[in-house]
Amino acid sequence: SNMSLVLEEDMHVTPVQFGIINGAITVAVIPGLVLATVFSQRFGTLKSYRAGTVALLLNAFIFVLCGAFCSGSVWMLIATMMIFSIIMPVFCMPMEILYSQPLENIFTTA
């Protein structure tokens, strides 16, 4: 996406700093995957999906607040992106299971 362009040109982040930031955001997905697995096993797929949806809506609200009040802060952008990276697997894993479940019979007959 254009995150590198925004960080480098508007927020004066160097390419090395962007690489570190992007790596940290990517690593933040790992706890999200563990969290998604634990939620799905403990609460079930549908409840995990609902919890992930609510968490993503709250994160969207945080993104809006960050854009409205802290648009020049690199740290707020990084924090919201890391929160998003942790929450996204909690939403995506159950969504993929719920999407693939009806297709299971179709794939077995093919």
C-alpha atoms as a PDB file:
ATOM      1  CA  SER A   1       0.000   0.000   0.000  1.00  0.00           C
ATOM      2  CA  ASN A   2       1.087   3.602   0.301  1.00  0.00           C
ATOM      3  CA  MET A   3       2.061   3.460   3.980  1.00  0.00           C
ATOM      4  CA  SER A   4       5.771   3.794   3.153  1.00  0.00           C
ATOM      5  CA  LEU A   5       5.079   6.880   1.045  1.00  0.00           C
ATOM      6  CA  VAL A   6       3.031   8.529   3.802  1.00  0.00           C
ATOM      7  CA  LEU A   7       5.542   7.723   6.534  1.00  0.00           C
ATOM      8  CA  GLU A   8       8.591   8.747   4.515  1.00  0.00           C
ATOM      9  CA  GLU A   9       7.265  11.927   2.896  1.00  0.00           C
ATOM     10  CA  ASP A  10       4.743  13.294   5.395  1.00  0.00           C
ATOM     11  CA  MET A  11       6.162  12.048   8.686  1.00  0.00           C
ATOM     12  CA  HIS A  12       9.887  12.083   7.741  1.00  0.00           C
ATOM     13  CA  VAL A  13      10.572   8.441   8.564  1.00  0.00           C
ATOM     14  CA  THR A  14      13.699   6.988   6.963  1.00  0.00           C
ATOM     15  CA  PRO A  15      13.498   3.778   4.884  1.00  0.00           C
ATOM     16  CA  VAL A  16      15.340   1.859   7.627  1.00  0.00           C
ATOM     17  CA  GLN A  17      12.899   3.113  10.253  1.00  0.00           C
ATOM     18  CA  PHE A  18      10.014   2.135   7.979  1.00  0.00           C
ATOM     19  CA  GLY A  19      11.465  -1.362   7.667  1.00  0.00           C
ATOM     20  CA  ILE A  20      11.651  -1.691  11.444  1.00  0.00           C
ATOM     21  CA  ILE A  21       8.117  -0.338  11.867  1.00  0.00           C
ATOM     22  CA  ASN A  22       6.743  -2.649   9.176  1.00  0.00           C
ATOM     23  CA  GLY A  23       8.555  -5.620  10.721  1.00  0.00           C
ATOM     24  CA  ALA A  24       7.113  -4.858  14.160  1.00  0.00           C
ATOM     25  CA  ILE A  25       3.611  -4.573  12.726  1.00  0.00           C
ATOM     26  CA  THR A  26       4.095  -7.880  10.909  1.00  0.00           C
ATOM     27  CA  VAL A  27       5.360  -9.624  14.061  1.00  0.00           C
ATOM     28  CA  ALA A  28       2.255  -8.349  15.899  1.00  0.00           C
ATOM     29  CA  VAL A  29       0.189 -10.769  13.799  1.00  0.00           C
ATOM     30  CA  ILE A  30       1.683 -13.757  15.662  1.00  0.00           C
ATOM     31  CA  PRO A  31       0.005 -13.018  19.033  1.00  0.00           C
ATOM     32  CA  GLY A  32      -3.195 -12.388  17.083  1.00  0.00           C
ATOM     33  CA  LEU A  33      -2.992 -15.855  15.550  1.00  0.00           C
ATOM     34  CA  VAL A  34      -2.474 -17.421  18.973  1.00  0.00           C
ATOM     35  CA  LEU A  35      -5.346 -15.352  20.363  1.00  0.00           C
ATOM     36  CA  ALA A  36      -7.608 -16.400  17.486  1.00  0.00           C
ATOM     37  CA  THR A  37      -6.837 -20.073  18.068  1.00  0.00           C
ATOM     38  CA  VAL A  38      -7.508 -19.813  21.806  1.00  0.00           C
ATOM     39  CA  PHE A  39     -10.752 -17.879  21.260  1.00  0.00           C
ATOM     40  CA  SER A  40     -12.012 -20.363  18.666  1.00  0.00           C
ATOM     41  CA  GLN A  41     -11.255 -23.352  20.864  1.00  0.00           C
ATOM     42  CA  ARG A  42     -12.652 -21.832  24.034  1.00  0.00           C
ATOM     43  CA  PHE A  43     -15.697 -19.906  22.786  1.00  0.00           C
ATOM     44  CA  GLY A  44     -16.480 -21.448  19.416  1.00  0.00           C
ATOM     45  CA  THR A  45     -16.221 -20.118  15.905  1.00  0.00           C
ATOM     46  CA  LEU A  46     -19.315 -17.932  15.801  1.00  0.00           C
ATOM     47  CA  LYS A  47     -18.621 -16.172  19.115  1.00  0.00           C
ATOM     48  CA  SER A  48     -15.013 -15.596  18.053  1.00  0.00           C
ATOM     49  CA  TYR A  49     -16.238 -14.073  14.804  1.00  0.00           C
ATOM     50  CA  ARG A  50     -18.607 -11.756  16.679  1.00  0.00           C
ATOM     51  CA  ALA A  51     -15.886 -10.727  19.141  1.00  0.00           C
ATOM     52  CA  GLY A  52     -13.502 -10.054  16.266  1.00  0.00           C
ATOM     53  CA  THR A  53     -16.126  -7.946  14.511  1.00  0.00           C
ATOM     54  CA  VAL A  54     -16.693  -5.821  17.612  1.00  0.00           C
ATOM     55  CA  ALA A  55     -12.948  -5.453  18.145  1.00  0.00           C
ATOM     56  CA  LEU A  56     -12.451  -4.364  14.526  1.00  0.00           C
ATOM     57  CA  LEU A  57     -15.223  -1.790  14.858  1.00  0.00           C
ATOM     58  CA  LEU A  58     -13.552  -0.393  17.972  1.00  0.00           C
ATOM     59  CA  ASN A  59     -10.232  -0.319  16.140  1.00  0.00           C
ATOM     60  CA  ALA A  60     -11.863   1.528  13.232  1.00  0.00           C
ATOM     61  CA  PHE A  61     -13.087   4.115  15.726  1.00  0.00           C
ATOM     62  CA  ILE A  62      -9.527   4.439  17.076  1.00  0.00           C
ATOM     63  CA  PHE A  63      -8.263   4.937  13.495  1.00  0.00           C
ATOM     64  CA  VAL A  64     -10.787   7.747  12.997  1.00  0.00           C
ATOM     65  CA  LEU A  65      -9.767   9.406  16.271  1.00  0.00           C
ATOM     66  CA  CYS A  66      -6.105   9.056  15.370  1.00  0.00           C
ATOM     67  CA  GLY A  67      -6.719  10.636  11.967  1.00  0.00           C
ATOM     68  CA  ALA A  68      -8.775  13.471  13.422  1.00  0.00           C
ATOM     69  CA  PHE A  69      -6.636  14.426  16.407  1.00  0.00           C
ATOM     70  CA  CYS A  70      -3.174  12.875  15.988  1.00  0.00           C
ATOM     71  CA  SER A  71      -2.647  12.848  12.228  1.00  0.00           C
ATOM     72  CA  GLY A  72       0.974  13.954  12.570  1.00  0.00           C
ATOM     73  CA  SER A  73       1.948  11.351  15.167  1.00  0.00           C
ATOM     74  CA  VAL A  74       3.928   8.408  13.874  1.00  0.00           C
ATOM     75  CA  TRP A  75       3.522   6.616  17.204  1.00  0.00           C
ATOM     76  CA  MET A  76      -0.272   6.759  17.121  1.00  0.00           C
ATOM     77  CA  LEU A  77      -0.267   5.341  13.601  1.00  0.00           C
ATOM     78  CA  ILE A  78       2.082   2.542  14.633  1.00  0.00           C
ATOM     79  CA  ALA A  79      -0.008   1.779  17.727  1.00  0.00           C
ATOM     80  CA  THR A  80      -3.252   1.575  15.765  1.00  0.00           C
ATOM     81  CA  MET A  81      -1.633  -0.588  13.082  1.00  0.00           C
ATOM     82  CA  MET A  82      -0.250  -2.970  15.712  1.00  0.00           C
ATOM     83  CA  ILE A  83      -3.643  -3.215  17.417  1.00  0.00           C
ATOM     84  CA  PHE A  84      -5.162  -3.937  14.005  1.00  0.00           C
ATOM     85  CA  SER A  85      -2.542  -6.626  13.327  1.00  0.00           C
ATOM     86  CA  ILE A  86      -3.366  -8.347  16.615  1.00  0.00           C
ATOM     87  CA  ILE A  87      -7.144  -8.143  16.143  1.00  0.00           C
ATOM     88  CA  MET A  88      -7.374  -9.063  12.451  1.00  0.00           C
ATOM     89  CA  PRO A  89      -6.638 -12.818  12.857  1.00  0.00           C
ATOM     90  CA  VAL A  90      -9.325 -13.032  15.560  1.00  0.00           C
ATOM     91  CA  PHE A  91     -11.770 -11.882  12.870  1.00  0.00           C
ATOM     92  CA  CYS A  92     -10.305 -13.640   9.809  1.00  0.00           C
ATOM     93  CA  MET A  93      -9.803 -17.178  11.125  1.00  0.00           C
ATOM     94  CA  PRO A  94     -13.437 -17.750  12.185  1.00  0.00           C
ATOM     95  CA  MET A  95     -14.634 -15.933   9.060  1.00  0.00           C
ATOM     96  CA  GLU A  96     -12.675 -18.342   6.873  1.00  0.00           C
ATOM     97  CA  ILE A  97     -14.054 -21.348   8.769  1.00  0.00           C
ATOM     98  CA  LEU A  98     -17.634 -20.081   8.517  1.00  0.00           C
ATOM     99  CA  TYR A  99     -17.176 -19.348   4.812  1.00  0.00           C
ATOM    100  CA  SER A 100     -15.584 -22.715   4.018  1.00  0.00           C
ATOM    101  CA  GLN A 101     -18.024 -24.859   6.005  1.00  0.00           C
ATOM    102  CA  PRO A 102     -20.878 -24.821   3.433  1.00  0.00           C
ATOM    103  CA  LEU A 103     -18.370 -25.520   0.664  1.00  0.00           C
ATOM    104  CA  GLU A 104     -17.116 -28.690   2.361  1.00  0.00           C
ATOM    105  CA  ASN A 105     -19.780 -30.906   0.760  1.00  0.00           C
ATOM    106  CA  ILE A 106     -19.224 -29.357  -2.656  1.00  0.00           C
ATOM    107  CA  PHE A 107     -15.476 -30.009  -2.582  1.00  0.00           C
ATOM    108  CA  THR A 108     -15.864 -33.607  -1.402  1.00  0.00           C
ATOM    109  CA  THR A 109     -18.188 -34.466  -4.295  1.00  0.00           C
ATOM    110  CA  ALA A 110     -15.989 -32.857  -6.950  1.00  0.00           C
END
